[in-house]
Amino acid sequence: MVRDDSYGDERWIEITPPDHKVVLVLSPREADEPRREVRDQLPHSDVFFACKDIQQTYTELTERGVRFPTAPEKMHFGWWAMFTDCDGTRYALAQW
């Protein structure tokens, strides 16, 4: 486990293998609990993409036609941006 933090009623749990090339964010919920609605500021996917230089990655992906609802922004945990696929599914891009 890399992180287990609480933010109000929400809990943020991250796990990663030793090489840190993949980070999985877990959303704990009861078996019969429906998935909660996702706010516009959050990704739909629990798969996050990390990069070493978010500004450079943002520029490269934008030039290739990837759509970002907003430019990367500095958060308390690092840099954060979201991009969308052709179906409008939001994915997270982060620089930790």
Protein backbone atom coordinates (compact mmCIF):
# COMPACT_ATOMS: atom_id res chain seq x y z
CA MET A 1 0.00 0.00 0.00
CA VAL A 2 1.27 3.45 -0.90
CA ARG A 3 -1.45 5.70 0.50
CA ASP A 4 -4.55 5.37 2.67
CA ASP A 5 -6.04 8.80 3.34
CA SER A 6 -9.49 10.06 4.27
CA TYR A 7 -10.97 13.27 2.89
CA GLY A 8 -14.26 13.88 4.65
CA ASP A 9 -16.52 10.94 3.81
CA GLU A 10 -14.22 9.71 1.04
CA ARG A 11 -11.27 7.37 1.36
CA TRP A 12 -8.28 7.31 -1.02
CA ILE A 13 -6.32 4.04 -1.17
CA GLU A 14 -3.37 3.53 -3.54
CA ILE A 15 -1.40 0.35 -4.13
CA THR A 16 1.56 -0.17 -6.43
CA PRO A 17 4.09 -2.87 -7.25
CA PRO A 18 7.74 -2.35 -6.21
CA ASP A 19 8.71 -0.75 -9.56
CA HIS A 20 5.96 1.91 -9.13
CA LYS A 21 5.09 1.75 -12.83
CA VAL A 22 1.41 1.20 -12.06
CA VAL A 23 -0.73 2.81 -9.36
CA LEU A 24 -4.16 1.37 -8.60
CA VAL A 25 -6.66 3.47 -6.68
CA LEU A 26 -9.17 1.38 -4.78
CA SER A 27 -12.69 2.51 -3.98
CA PRO A 28 -13.95 0.58 -0.96
CA ARG A 29 -17.70 -0.11 -0.89
CA GLU A 30 -20.09 -2.77 0.30
CA ALA A 31 -20.91 -5.61 -2.12
CA ASP A 32 -24.52 -4.44 -2.58
CA GLU A 33 -23.69 -0.73 -2.67
CA PRO A 34 -24.13 0.82 -6.14
CA ARG A 35 -21.24 2.77 -7.59
CA ARG A 36 -21.59 6.41 -6.60
CA GLU A 37 -22.07 9.10 -9.21
CA VAL A 38 -18.83 10.72 -10.35
CA ARG A 39 -18.49 14.50 -10.21
CA ASP A 40 -17.19 16.29 -13.30
CA GLN A 41 -13.86 16.90 -11.53
CA LEU A 42 -13.18 13.16 -11.13
CA PRO A 43 -12.24 10.43 -13.60
CA HIS A 44 -14.63 7.64 -14.49
CA SER A 45 -11.82 5.09 -14.60
CA ASP A 46 -9.94 3.79 -11.57
CA VAL A 47 -6.89 3.39 -13.82
CA PHE A 48 -4.59 6.39 -13.41
CA PHE A 49 -1.71 7.28 -15.71
CA ALA A 50 1.43 8.80 -14.18
CA CYS A 51 4.21 10.67 -15.94
CA LYS A 52 7.47 12.38 -15.01
CA ASP A 53 6.66 15.74 -16.64
CA ILE A 54 2.93 16.46 -16.84
CA GLN A 55 3.32 19.70 -18.81
CA GLN A 56 5.36 17.96 -21.52
CA THR A 57 3.00 14.96 -21.60
CA TYR A 58 -0.03 17.26 -21.76
CA THR A 59 1.49 19.16 -24.69
CA GLU A 60 2.44 15.98 -26.57
CA LEU A 61 -0.95 14.34 -26.08
CA THR A 62 -2.85 17.51 -26.98
CA GLU A 63 -0.84 17.80 -30.21
CA ARG A 64 -1.86 14.20 -31.00
CA GLY A 65 -5.55 15.06 -30.59
CA VAL A 66 -6.18 13.88 -27.04
CA ARG A 67 -8.88 16.00 -25.40
CA PHE A 68 -8.29 17.48 -21.93
CA PRO A 69 -11.27 19.20 -20.25
CA THR A 70 -8.77 21.46 -18.40
CA ALA A 71 -5.04 22.04 -18.33
CA PRO A 72 -2.94 20.33 -15.61
CA GLU A 73 -3.20 21.92 -12.19
CA LYS A 74 -1.20 21.72 -8.98
CA MET A 75 -3.04 19.89 -6.19
CA HIS A 76 -2.02 19.08 -2.60
CA PHE A 77 -0.83 15.61 -3.73
CA GLY A 78 0.96 16.63 -6.94
CA TRP A 79 -0.01 17.65 -10.48
CA TRP A 80 -3.32 16.47 -11.94
CA ALA A 81 -5.15 16.52 -15.25
CA MET A 82 -7.89 14.50 -16.89
CA PHE A 83 -8.28 13.47 -20.48
CA THR A 84 -11.19 11.88 -22.32
CA ASP A 85 -11.52 9.10 -24.83
CA CYS A 86 -13.84 9.18 -27.86
CA ASP A 87 -16.77 8.04 -25.66
CA GLY A 88 -16.22 10.81 -23.10
CA THR A 89 -14.76 8.52 -20.43
CA ARG A 90 -12.43 10.55 -18.21
CA TYR A 91 -9.00 9.23 -17.19
CA ALA A 92 -6.53 10.75 -14.74
CA LEU A 93 -3.03 11.85 -15.64
CA ALA A 94 -0.79 12.68 -12.69
CA GLN A 95 2.71 13.73 -11.78
CA TRP A 96 3.31 12.64 -8.19
